[in-house]
Amino acid sequence: NRLREAASGHKMDVGDIFRGTGSEVVSKSQAAFVKTDLSKPAVRELEEQNRALKALQRNYDSVSSMAAADREELVRFQQKYEELERDFIQLCSEHTKLQNQISEQQHS
């Protein structure tokens, strides 16, 4: 089945084929030959994946925290904007009334 996948154009390396068949290989490590079962991931590989996943989780938690803080800040800015807009409208109305009063006094 793995060989069929390889022949059908899927990218697979030799290690994938060996792992798929449960093969063992002998490799030279530090001047000694070591028998390795390729159907089981190496402990170091799992530890590295675990470290990478933990780092990814920390990054996700950090970004999530920053996004929550940004949302809170945006809500505060929107509330402040609405408050300032109400004040501006009120001041414009008051300005118009005062200008009308001045105009009436000048014409009297």
PDB file of N, CA and C in Angstrom:
ATOM      1  N   ASN A   1       0.833  -1.193   0.000  1.00  0.00           N
ATOM      2  CA  ASN A   1       0.000   0.000   0.000  1.00  0.00           C
ATOM      3  C   ASN A   1       0.879   1.259   0.000  1.00  0.00           C
ATOM      4  N   ARG A   2       1.923   1.295   0.828  1.00  0.00           N
ATOM      5  CA  ARG A   2       2.834   2.445   0.863  1.00  0.00           C
ATOM      6  C   ARG A   2       3.551   2.608  -0.472  1.00  0.00           C
ATOM      7  N   LEU A   3       3.929   1.492  -1.060  1.00  0.00           N
ATOM      8  CA  LEU A   3       4.617   1.570  -2.339  1.00  0.00           C
ATOM      9  C   LEU A   3       3.681   2.107  -3.412  1.00  0.00           C
ATOM     10  N   ARG A   4       2.400   1.748  -3.330  1.00  0.00           N
ATOM     11  CA  ARG A   4       1.420   2.271  -4.296  1.00  0.00           C
ATOM     12  C   ARG A   4       1.300   3.788  -4.148  1.00  0.00           C
ATOM     13  N   GLU A   5       1.269   4.256  -2.893  1.00  0.00           N
ATOM     14  CA  GLU A   5       1.188   5.697  -2.670  1.00  0.00           C
ATOM     15  C   GLU A   5       2.408   6.402  -3.240  1.00  0.00           C
ATOM     16  N   ALA A   6       3.570   5.814  -3.025  1.00  0.00           N
ATOM     17  CA  ALA A   6       4.801   6.407  -3.535  1.00  0.00           C
ATOM     18  C   ALA A   6       4.783   6.431  -5.057  1.00  0.00           C
ATOM     19  N   ALA A   7       4.292   5.374  -5.659  1.00  0.00           N
ATOM     20  CA  ALA A   7       4.256   5.297  -7.113  1.00  0.00           C
ATOM     21  C   ALA A   7       3.210   6.227  -7.710  1.00  0.00           C
ATOM     22  N   SER A   8       2.180   6.562  -6.943  1.00  0.00           N
ATOM     23  CA  SER A   8       1.103   7.395  -7.485  1.00  0.00           C
ATOM     24  C   SER A   8       1.423   8.892  -7.417  1.00  0.00           C
ATOM     25  N   GLY A   9       2.620   9.247  -7.049  1.00  0.00           N
ATOM     26  CA  GLY A   9       3.019  10.646  -7.077  1.00  0.00           C
ATOM     27  C   GLY A   9       3.029  11.323  -5.724  1.00  0.00           C
ATOM     28  N   HIS A  10       2.600  10.664  -4.646  1.00  0.00           N
ATOM     29  CA  HIS A  10       2.666  11.262  -3.313  1.00  0.00           C
ATOM     30  C   HIS A  10       4.114  11.311  -2.878  1.00  0.00           C
ATOM     31  N   LYS A  11       4.492  12.391  -2.229  1.00  0.00           N
ATOM     32  CA  LYS A  11       5.874  12.518  -1.775  1.00  0.00           C
ATOM     33  C   LYS A  11       6.070  11.717  -0.499  1.00  0.00           C
ATOM     34  N   MET A  12       6.933  10.770  -0.555  1.00  0.00           N
ATOM     35  CA  MET A  12       7.281   9.960   0.621  1.00  0.00           C
ATOM     36  C   MET A  12       8.779   9.734   0.575  1.00  0.00           C
ATOM     37  N   ASP A  13       9.400   9.716   1.746  1.00  0.00           N
ATOM     38  CA  ASP A  13      10.811   9.378   1.749  1.00  0.00           C
ATOM     39  C   ASP A  13      10.982   7.926   2.153  1.00  0.00           C
ATOM     40  N   VAL A  14      12.179   7.464   2.059  1.00  0.00           N
ATOM     41  CA  VAL A  14      12.459   6.053   2.356  1.00  0.00           C
ATOM     42  C   VAL A  14      12.091   5.724   3.795  1.00  0.00           C
ATOM     43  N   GLY A  15      12.321   6.668   4.698  1.00  0.00           N
ATOM     44  CA  GLY A  15      11.976   6.442   6.103  1.00  0.00           C
ATOM     45  C   GLY A  15      10.488   6.192   6.289  1.00  0.00           C
ATOM     46  N   ASP A  16       9.649   6.941   5.532  1.00  0.00           N
ATOM     47  CA  ASP A  16       8.201   6.719   5.605  1.00  0.00           C
ATOM     48  C   ASP A  16       7.842   5.304   5.184  1.00  0.00           C
ATOM     49  N   ILE A  17       8.468   4.851   4.133  1.00  0.00           N
ATOM     50  CA  ILE A  17       8.173   3.497   3.638  1.00  0.00           C
ATOM     51  C   ILE A  17       8.583   2.467   4.682  1.00  0.00           C
ATOM     52  N   PHE A  18       9.800   2.627   5.254  1.00  0.00           N
ATOM     53  CA  PHE A  18      10.243   1.677   6.276  1.00  0.00           C
ATOM     54  C   PHE A  18       9.346   1.705   7.507  1.00  0.00           C
ATOM     55  N   ARG A  19       8.971   2.935   7.950  1.00  0.00           N
ATOM     56  CA  ARG A  19       8.105   3.031   9.116  1.00  0.00           C
ATOM     57  C   ARG A  19       6.762   2.368   8.856  1.00  0.00           C
ATOM     58  N   GLY A  20       6.245   2.552   7.665  1.00  0.00           N
ATOM     59  CA  GLY A  20       4.955   1.966   7.310  1.00  0.00           C
ATOM     60  C   GLY A  20       4.972   0.455   7.323  1.00  0.00           C
ATOM     61  N   THR A  21       6.106  -0.116   7.061  1.00  0.00           N
ATOM     62  CA  THR A  21       6.190  -1.581   7.041  1.00  0.00           C
ATOM     63  C   THR A  21       6.680  -2.139   8.365  1.00  0.00           C
ATOM     64  N   GLY A  22       7.033  -1.277   9.309  1.00  0.00           N
ATOM     65  CA  GLY A  22       7.505  -1.740  10.609  1.00  0.00           C
ATOM     66  C   GLY A  22       8.913  -2.280  10.561  1.00  0.00           C
ATOM     67  N   SER A  23       9.708  -1.806   9.633  1.00  0.00           N
ATOM     68  CA  SER A  23      11.060  -2.330   9.444  1.00  0.00           C
ATOM     69  C   SER A  23      12.032  -1.785  10.473  1.00  0.00           C
ATOM     70  N   GLU A  24      13.078  -2.517  10.660  1.00  0.00           N
ATOM     71  CA  GLU A  24      14.171  -2.078  11.520  1.00  0.00           C
ATOM     72  C   GLU A  24      15.380  -1.841  10.636  1.00  0.00           C
ATOM     73  N   VAL A  25      16.202  -0.877  11.018  1.00  0.00           N
ATOM     74  CA  VAL A  25      17.418  -0.602  10.265  1.00  0.00           C
ATOM     75  C   VAL A  25      18.586  -0.550  11.226  1.00  0.00           C
ATOM     76  N   VAL A  26      19.747  -0.712  10.673  1.00  0.00           N
ATOM     77  CA  VAL A  26      20.968  -0.599  11.465  1.00  0.00           C
ATOM     78  C   VAL A  26      21.683   0.637  10.964  1.00  0.00           C
ATOM     79  N   SER A  27      22.022   1.530  11.903  1.00  0.00           N
ATOM     80  CA  SER A  27      22.740   2.740  11.526  1.00  0.00           C
ATOM     81  C   SER A  27      23.962   2.882  12.402  1.00  0.00           C
ATOM     82  N   LYS A  28      24.907   3.673  11.940  1.00  0.00           N
ATOM     83  CA  LYS A  28      26.132   3.886  12.697  1.00  0.00           C
ATOM     84  C   LYS A  28      25.965   5.152  13.518  1.00  0.00           C
ATOM     85  N   SER A  29      26.132   5.051  14.826  1.00  0.00           N
ATOM     86  CA  SER A  29      26.003   6.194  15.711  1.00  0.00           C
ATOM     87  C   SER A  29      27.170   6.190  16.673  1.00  0.00           C
ATOM     88  N   GLN A  30      27.958   7.238  16.656  1.00  0.00           N
ATOM     89  CA  GLN A  30      29.121   7.392  17.535  1.00  0.00           C
ATOM     90  C   GLN A  30      30.010   6.154  17.484  1.00  0.00           C
ATOM     91  N   ALA A  31      30.383   5.768  16.284  1.00  0.00           N
ATOM     92  CA  ALA A  31      31.307   4.661  16.013  1.00  0.00           C
ATOM     93  C   ALA A  31      30.772   3.309  16.454  1.00  0.00           C
ATOM     94  N   ALA A  32      29.473   3.175  16.656  1.00  0.00           N
ATOM     95  CA  ALA A  32      28.879   1.886  17.001  1.00  0.00           C
ATOM     96  C   ALA A  32      27.635   1.695  16.147  1.00  0.00           C
ATOM     97  N   PHE A  33      27.321   0.451  15.848  1.00  0.00           N
ATOM     98  CA  PHE A  33      26.116   0.180  15.082  1.00  0.00           C
ATOM     99  C   PHE A  33      24.930   0.058  16.025  1.00  0.00           C
ATOM    100  N   VAL A  34      23.842   0.729  15.680  1.00  0.00           N
ATOM    101  CA  VAL A  34      22.654   0.757  16.525  1.00  0.00           C
ATOM    102  C   VAL A  34      21.472   0.272  15.701  1.00  0.00           C
ATOM    103  N   LYS A  35      20.696  -0.660  16.296  1.00  0.00           N
ATOM    104  CA  LYS A  35      19.494  -1.163  15.636  1.00  0.00           C
ATOM    105  C   LYS A  35      18.325  -0.255  16.033  1.00  0.00           C
ATOM    106  N   THR A  36      17.601   0.257  15.051  1.00  0.00           N
ATOM    107  CA  THR A  36      16.502   1.194  15.292  1.00  0.00           C
ATOM    108  C   THR A  36      15.222   0.663  14.684  1.00  0.00           C
ATOM    109  N   ASP A  37      14.157   0.689  15.461  1.00  0.00           N
ATOM    110  CA  ASP A  37      12.832   0.311  14.971  1.00  0.00           C
ATOM    111  C   ASP A  37      12.170   1.565  14.424  1.00  0.00           C
ATOM    112  N   LEU A  38      12.041   1.655  13.099  1.00  0.00           N
ATOM    113  CA  LEU A  38      11.510   2.862  12.468  1.00  0.00           C
ATOM    114  C   LEU A  38      10.001   2.980  12.580  1.00  0.00           C
ATOM    115  N   SER A  39       9.323   1.947  13.046  1.00  0.00           N
ATOM    116  CA  SER A  39       7.871   2.034  13.182  1.00  0.00           C
ATOM    117  C   SER A  39       7.478   2.810  14.435  1.00  0.00           C
ATOM    118  N   LYS A  40       8.422   3.052  15.345  1.00  0.00           N
ATOM    119  CA  LYS A  40       8.167   3.815  16.573  1.00  0.00           C
ATOM    120  C   LYS A  40       9.031   5.069  16.557  1.00  0.00           C
ATOM    121  N   PRO A  41       8.415   6.231  16.804  1.00  0.00           N
ATOM    122  CA  PRO A  41       9.210   7.467  16.824  1.00  0.00           C
ATOM    123  C   PRO A  41      10.249   7.423  17.952  1.00  0.00           C
ATOM    124  N   ALA A  42      11.366   8.014  17.709  1.00  0.00           N
ATOM    125  CA  ALA A  42      12.431   8.074  18.709  1.00  0.00           C
ATOM    126  C   ALA A  42      11.981   8.956  19.879  1.00  0.00           C
ATOM    127  N   VAL A  43      12.478   8.631  21.056  1.00  0.00           N
ATOM    128  CA  VAL A  43      12.121   9.388  22.262  1.00  0.00           C
ATOM    129  C   VAL A  43      12.533  10.848  22.113  1.00  0.00           C
ATOM    130  N   ARG A  44      13.715  11.085  21.573  1.00  0.00           N
ATOM    131  CA  ARG A  44      14.170  12.468  21.384  1.00  0.00           C
ATOM    132  C   ARG A  44      13.234  13.234  20.453  1.00  0.00           C
ATOM    133  N   GLU A  45      12.759  12.559  19.423  1.00  0.00           N
ATOM    134  CA  GLU A  45      11.846  13.200  18.476  1.00  0.00           C
ATOM    135  C   GLU A  45      10.539  13.585  19.181  1.00  0.00           C
ATOM    136  N   LEU A  46      10.039  12.691  20.039  1.00  0.00           N
ATOM    137  CA  LEU A  46       8.814  12.993  20.786  1.00  0.00           C
ATOM    138  C   LEU A  46       9.037  14.127  21.771  1.00  0.00           C
ATOM    139  N   GLU A  47      10.193  14.126  22.430  1.00  0.00           N
ATOM    140  CA  GLU A  47      10.495  15.199  23.366  1.00  0.00           C
ATOM    141  C   GLU A  47      10.582  16.542  22.647  1.00  0.00           C
ATOM    142  N   GLU A  48      11.200  16.543  21.476  1.00  0.00           N
ATOM    143  CA  GLU A  48      11.299  17.780  20.693  1.00  0.00           C
ATOM    144  C   GLU A  48       9.920  18.252  20.256  1.00  0.00           C
ATOM    145  N   GLN A  49       9.078  17.338  19.827  1.00  0.00           N
ATOM    146  CA  GLN A  49       7.715  17.699  19.455  1.00  0.00           C
ATOM    147  C   GLN A  49       6.953  18.245  20.659  1.00  0.00           C
ATOM    148  N   ASN A  50       7.151  17.627  21.812  1.00  0.00           N
ATOM    149  CA  ASN A  50       6.495  18.077  23.039  1.00  0.00           C
ATOM    150  C   ASN A  50       6.944  19.497  23.397  1.00  0.00           C
ATOM    151  N   ARG A  51       8.252  19.763  23.309  1.00  0.00           N
ATOM    152  CA  ARG A  51       8.770  21.112  23.577  1.00  0.00           C
ATOM    153  C   ARG A  51       8.187  22.119  22.586  1.00  0.00           C
ATOM    154  N   ALA A  52       8.127  21.731  21.327  1.00  0.00           N
ATOM    155  CA  ALA A  52       7.588  22.631  20.301  1.00  0.00           C
ATOM    156  C   ALA A  52       6.110  22.920  20.556  1.00  0.00           C
ATOM    157  N   LEU A  53       5.363  21.900  20.941  1.00  0.00           N
ATOM    158  CA  LEU A  53       3.938  22.102  21.232  1.00  0.00           C
ATOM    159  C   LEU A  53       3.733  22.988  22.449  1.00  0.00           C
ATOM    160  N   LYS A  54       4.567  22.807  23.476  1.00  0.00           N
ATOM    161  CA  LYS A  54       4.466  23.661  24.659  1.00  0.00           C
ATOM    162  C   LYS A  54       4.792  25.114  24.315  1.00  0.00           C
ATOM    163  N   ALA A  55       5.799  25.321  23.472  1.00  0.00           N
ATOM    164  CA  ALA A  55       6.152  26.680  23.054  1.00  0.00           C
ATOM    165  C   ALA A  55       5.011  27.286  22.240  1.00  0.00           C
ATOM    166  N   LEU A  56       4.418  26.492  21.378  1.00  0.00           N
ATOM    167  CA  LEU A  56       3.282  26.954  20.583  1.00  0.00           C
ATOM    168  C   LEU A  56       2.103  27.317  21.487  1.00  0.00           C
ATOM    169  N   GLN A  57       1.857  26.509  22.529  1.00  0.00           N
ATOM    170  CA  GLN A  57       0.775  26.797  23.471  1.00  0.00           C
ATOM    171  C   GLN A  57       1.039  28.095  24.222  1.00  0.00           C
ATOM    172  N   ARG A  58       2.304  28.304  24.639  1.00  0.00           N
ATOM    173  CA  ARG A  58       2.649  29.560  25.323  1.00  0.00           C
ATOM    174  C   ARG A  58       2.423  30.751  24.399  1.00  0.00           C
ATOM    175  N   ASN A  59       2.830  30.627  23.149  1.00  0.00           N
ATOM    176  CA  ASN A  59       2.631  31.711  22.185  1.00  0.00           C
ATOM    177  C   ASN A  59       1.151  31.982  21.975  1.00  0.00           C
ATOM    178  N   TYR A  60       0.358  30.917  21.853  1.00  0.00           N
ATOM    179  CA  TYR A  60      -1.088  31.071  21.663  1.00  0.00           C
ATOM    180  C   TYR A  60      -1.712  31.775  22.870  1.00  0.00           C
ATOM    181  N   ASP A  61      -1.325  31.339  24.073  1.00  0.00           N
ATOM    182  CA  ASP A  61      -1.853  31.964  25.288  1.00  0.00           C
ATOM    183  C   ASP A  61      -1.489  33.447  25.342  1.00  0.00           C
ATOM    184  N   SER A  62      -0.252  33.761  24.959  1.00  0.00           N
ATOM    185  CA  SER A  62       0.205  35.151  24.974  1.00  0.00           C
ATOM    186  C   SER A  62      -0.578  35.996  23.970  1.00  0.00           C
ATOM    187  N   VAL A  63      -0.741  35.481  22.758  1.00  0.00           N
ATOM    188  CA  VAL A  63      -1.477  36.217  21.724  1.00  0.00           C
ATOM    189  C   VAL A  63      -2.945  36.367  22.124  1.00  0.00           C
ATOM    190  N   SER A  64      -3.519  35.322  22.714  1.00  0.00           N
ATOM    191  CA  SER A  64      -4.914  35.394  23.157  1.00  0.00           C
ATOM    192  C   SER A  64      -5.089  36.461  24.229  1.00  0.00           C
ATOM    193  N   SER A  65      -4.144  36.521  25.152  1.00  0.00           N
ATOM    194  CA  SER A  65      -4.191  37.525  26.216  1.00  0.00           C
ATOM    195  C   SER A  65      -4.088  38.928  25.637  1.00  0.00           C
ATOM    196  N   MET A  66      -3.176  39.111  24.691  1.00  0.00           N
ATOM    197  CA  MET A  66      -3.022  40.421  24.060  1.00  0.00           C
ATOM    198  C   MET A  66      -4.282  40.798  23.286  1.00  0.00           C
ATOM    199  N   ALA A  67      -4.897  39.839  22.610  1.00  0.00           N
ATOM    200  CA  ALA A  67      -6.119  40.120  21.852  1.00  0.00           C
ATOM    201  C   ALA A  67      -7.253  40.524  22.792  1.00  0.00           C
ATOM    202  N   ALA A  68      -7.364  39.860  23.934  1.00  0.00           N
ATOM    203  CA  ALA A  68      -8.401  40.212  24.907  1.00  0.00           C
ATOM    204  C   ALA A  68      -8.173  41.629  25.433  1.00  0.00           C
ATOM    205  N   ALA A  69      -6.925  41.965  25.720  1.00  0.00           N
ATOM    206  CA  ALA A  69      -6.604  43.317  26.195  1.00  0.00           C
ATOM    207  C   ALA A  69      -6.918  44.352  25.116  1.00  0.00           C
ATOM    208  N   ASP A  70      -6.618  44.015  23.867  1.00  0.00           N
ATOM    209  CA  ASP A  70      -6.925  44.933  22.761  1.00  0.00           C
ATOM    210  C   ASP A  70      -8.427  45.155  22.626  1.00  0.00           C
ATOM    211  N   ARG A  71      -9.208  44.082  22.776  1.00  0.00           N
ATOM    212  CA  ARG A  71     -10.670  44.221  22.687  1.00  0.00           C
ATOM    213  C   ARG A  71     -11.192  45.123  23.797  1.00  0.00           C
ATOM    214  N   GLU A  72     -10.675  44.940  25.020  1.00  0.00           N
ATOM    215  CA  GLU A  72     -11.096  45.778  26.143  1.00  0.00           C
ATOM    216  C   GLU A  72     -10.733  47.238  25.895  1.00  0.00           C
ATOM    217  N   GLU A  73      -9.540  47.465  25.379  1.00  0.00           N
ATOM    218  CA  GLU A  73      -9.105  48.830  25.088  1.00  0.00           C
ATOM    219  C   GLU A  73      -9.987  49.450  24.003  1.00  0.00           C
ATOM    220  N   LEU A  74     -10.332  48.685  22.997  1.00  0.00           N
ATOM    221  CA  LEU A  74     -11.199  49.181  21.935  1.00  0.00           C
ATOM    222  C   LEU A  74     -12.568  49.586  22.479  1.00  0.00           C
ATOM    223  N   VAL A  75     -13.118  48.778  23.375  1.00  0.00           N
ATOM    224  CA  VAL A  75     -14.414  49.107  23.980  1.00  0.00           C
ATOM    225  C   VAL A  75     -14.304  50.418  24.756  1.00  0.00           C
ATOM    226  N   ARG A  76     -13.218  50.586  25.525  1.00  0.00           N
ATOM    227  CA  ARG A  76     -13.025  51.845  26.273  1.00  0.00           C
ATOM    228  C   ARG A  76     -12.919  53.035  25.325  1.00  0.00           C
ATOM    229  N   PHE A  77     -12.185  52.886  24.232  1.00  0.00           N
ATOM    230  CA  PHE A  77     -12.050  53.979  23.255  1.00  0.00           C
ATOM    231  C   PHE A  77     -13.394  54.306  22.605  1.00  0.00           C
ATOM    232  N   GLN A  78     -14.163  53.289  22.286  1.00  0.00           N
ATOM    233  CA  GLN A  78     -15.479  53.525  21.683  1.00  0.00           C
ATOM    234  C   GLN A  78     -16.394  54.261  22.654  1.00  0.00           C
ATOM    235  N   GLN A  79     -16.361  53.873  23.924  1.00  0.00           N
ATOM    236  CA  GLN A  79     -17.185  54.559  24.930  1.00  0.00           C
ATOM    237  C   GLN A  79     -16.747  56.011  25.079  1.00  0.00           C
ATOM    238  N   LYS A  80     -15.450  56.234  25.119  1.00  0.00           N
ATOM    239  CA  LYS A  80     -14.932  57.601  25.251  1.00  0.00           C
ATOM    240  C   LYS A  80     -15.304  58.427  24.029  1.00  0.00           C
ATOM    241  N   TYR A  81     -15.220  57.839  22.838  1.00  0.00           N
ATOM    242  CA  TYR A  81     -15.597  58.538  21.615  1.00  0.00           C
ATOM    243  C   TYR A  81     -17.068  58.950  21.659  1.00  0.00           C
ATOM    244  N   GLU A  82     -17.930  58.030  22.070  1.00  0.00           N
ATOM    245  CA  GLU A  82     -19.358  58.330  22.156  1.00  0.00           C
ATOM    246  C   GLU A  82     -19.616  59.460  23.162  1.00  0.00           C
ATOM    247  N   GLU A  83     -18.906  59.433  24.283  1.00  0.00           N
ATOM    248  CA  GLU A  83     -19.048  60.485  25.292  1.00  0.00           C
ATOM    249  C   GLU A  83     -18.612  61.835  24.719  1.00  0.00           C
ATOM    250  N   LEU A  84     -17.474  61.858  24.025  1.00  0.00           N
ATOM    251  CA  LEU A  84     -16.980  63.102  23.433  1.00  0.00           C
ATOM    252  C   LEU A  84     -17.897  63.600  22.323  1.00  0.00           C
ATOM    253  N   GLU A  85     -18.470  62.675  21.579  1.00  0.00           N
ATOM    254  CA  GLU A  85     -19.401  63.063  20.514  1.00  0.00           C
ATOM    255  C   GLU A  85     -20.659  63.722  21.106  1.00  0.00           C
ATOM    256  N   ARG A  86     -21.174  63.159  22.212  1.00  0.00           N
ATOM    257  CA  ARG A  86     -22.331  63.765  22.885  1.00  0.00           C
ATOM    258  C   ARG A  86     -21.981  65.164  23.385  1.00  0.00           C
ATOM    259  N   ASP A  87     -20.787  65.288  23.996  1.00  0.00           N
ATOM    260  CA  ASP A  87     -20.354  66.601  24.477  1.00  0.00           C
ATOM    261  C   ASP A  87     -20.239  67.600  23.329  1.00  0.00           C
ATOM    262  N   PHE A  88     -19.687  67.171  22.216  1.00  0.00           N
ATOM    263  CA  PHE A  88     -19.524  68.037  21.057  1.00  0.00           C
ATOM    264  C   PHE A  88     -20.882  68.519  20.535  1.00  0.00           C
ATOM    265  N   ILE A  89     -21.831  67.600  20.422  1.00  0.00           N
ATOM    266  CA  ILE A  89     -23.174  67.967  19.950  1.00  0.00           C
ATOM    267  C   ILE A  89     -23.823  68.969  20.906  1.00  0.00           C
ATOM    268  N   GLN A  90     -23.666  68.715  22.194  1.00  0.00           N
ATOM    269  CA  GLN A  90     -24.227  69.628  23.200  1.00  0.00           C
ATOM    270  C   GLN A  90     -23.580  71.014  23.097  1.00  0.00           C
ATOM    271  N   LEU A  91     -22.254  71.049  22.937  1.00  0.00           N
ATOM    272  CA  LEU A  91     -21.555  72.335  22.825  1.00  0.00           C
ATOM    273  C   LEU A  91     -21.929  73.062  21.536  1.00  0.00           C
ATOM    274  N   CYS A  92     -22.118  72.339  20.456  1.00  0.00           N
ATOM    275  CA  CYS A  92     -22.540  72.970  19.199  1.00  0.00           C
ATOM    276  C   CYS A  92     -23.923  73.591  19.355  1.00  0.00           C
ATOM    277  N   SER A  93     -24.809  72.864  20.032  1.00  0.00           N
ATOM    278  CA  SER A  93     -26.155  73.379  20.271  1.00  0.00           C
ATOM    279  C   SER A  93     -26.102  74.630  21.137  1.00  0.00           C
ATOM    280  N   GLU A  94     -25.299  74.590  22.174  1.00  0.00           N
ATOM    281  CA  GLU A  94     -25.149  75.739  23.069  1.00  0.00           C
ATOM    282  C   GLU A  94     -24.536  76.918  22.320  1.00  0.00           C
ATOM    283  N   HIS A  95     -23.572  76.651  21.476  1.00  0.00           N
ATOM    284  CA  HIS A  95     -22.932  77.692  20.663  1.00  0.00           C
ATOM    285  C   HIS A  95     -23.953  78.361  19.755  1.00  0.00           C
ATOM    286  N   THR A  96     -24.789  77.567  19.112  1.00  0.00           N
ATOM    287  CA  THR A  96     -25.821  78.116  18.224  1.00  0.00           C
ATOM    288  C   THR A  96     -26.787  79.004  19.003  1.00  0.00           C
ATOM    289  N   LYS A  97     -27.202  78.557  20.174  1.00  0.00           N
ATOM    290  CA  LYS A  97     -28.110  79.369  20.999  1.00  0.00           C
ATOM    291  C   LYS A  97     -27.462  80.696  21.373  1.00  0.00           C
ATOM    292  N   LEU A  98     -26.205  80.637  21.771  1.00  0.00           N
ATOM    293  CA  LEU A  98     -25.504  81.869  22.170  1.00  0.00           C
ATOM    294  C   LEU A  98     -25.333  82.811  20.982  1.00  0.00           C
ATOM    295  N   GLN A  99     -25.035  82.268  19.835  1.00  0.00           N
ATOM    296  CA  GLN A  99     -24.902  83.117  18.647  1.00  0.00           C
ATOM    297  C   GLN A  99     -26.239  83.774  18.301  1.00  0.00           C
ATOM    298  N   ASN A 100     -27.323  83.020  18.445  1.00  0.00           N
ATOM    299  CA  ASN A 100     -28.655  83.581  18.200  1.00  0.00           C
ATOM    300  C   ASN A 100     -28.957  84.703  19.189  1.00  0.00           C
ATOM    301  N   GLN A 101     -28.595  84.519  20.442  1.00  0.00           N
ATOM    302  CA  GLN A 101     -28.811  85.560  21.454  1.00  0.00           C
ATOM    303  C   GLN A 101     -28.020  86.820  21.121  1.00  0.00           C
ATOM    304  N   ILE A 102     -26.761  86.612  20.705  1.00  0.00           N
ATOM    305  CA  ILE A 102     -25.926  87.775  20.340  1.00  0.00           C
ATOM    306  C   ILE A 102     -26.495  88.489  19.148  1.00  0.00           C
ATOM    307  N   SER A 103     -26.936  87.717  18.189  1.00  0.00           N
ATOM    308  CA  SER A 103     -27.523  88.314  16.978  1.00  0.00           C
ATOM    309  C   SER A 103     -28.779  89.111  17.325  1.00  0.00           C
ATOM    310  N   GLU A 104     -29.609  88.577  18.206  1.00  0.00           N
ATOM    311  CA  GLU A 104     -30.832  89.283  18.614  1.00  0.00           C
ATOM    312  C   GLU A 104     -30.493  90.563  19.357  1.00  0.00           C
ATOM    313  N   GLN A 105     -29.460  90.518  20.205  1.00  0.00           N
ATOM    314  CA  GLN A 105     -29.080  91.717  20.965  1.00  0.00           C
ATOM    315  C   GLN A 105     -28.504  92.783  20.033  1.00  0.00           C
ATOM    316  N   GLN A 106     -27.803  92.349  18.994  1.00  0.00           N
ATOM    317  CA  GLN A 106     -27.217  93.322  18.075  1.00  0.00           C
ATOM    318  C   GLN A 106     -28.283  93.982  17.225  1.00  0.00           C
ATOM    319  N   HIS A 107     -29.368  93.283  16.954  1.00  0.00           N
ATOM    320  CA  HIS A 107     -30.445  93.840  16.149  1.00  0.00           C
ATOM    321  C   HIS A 107     -31.453  94.629  16.975  1.00  0.00           C
ATOM    322  N   SER A 108     -31.343  94.570  18.268  1.00  0.00           N
ATOM    323  CA  SER A 108     -32.318  95.273  19.123  1.00  0.00           C
ATOM    324  C   SER A 108     -31.919  96.691  19.402  1.00  0.00           C
TER     325      SER A 108
END
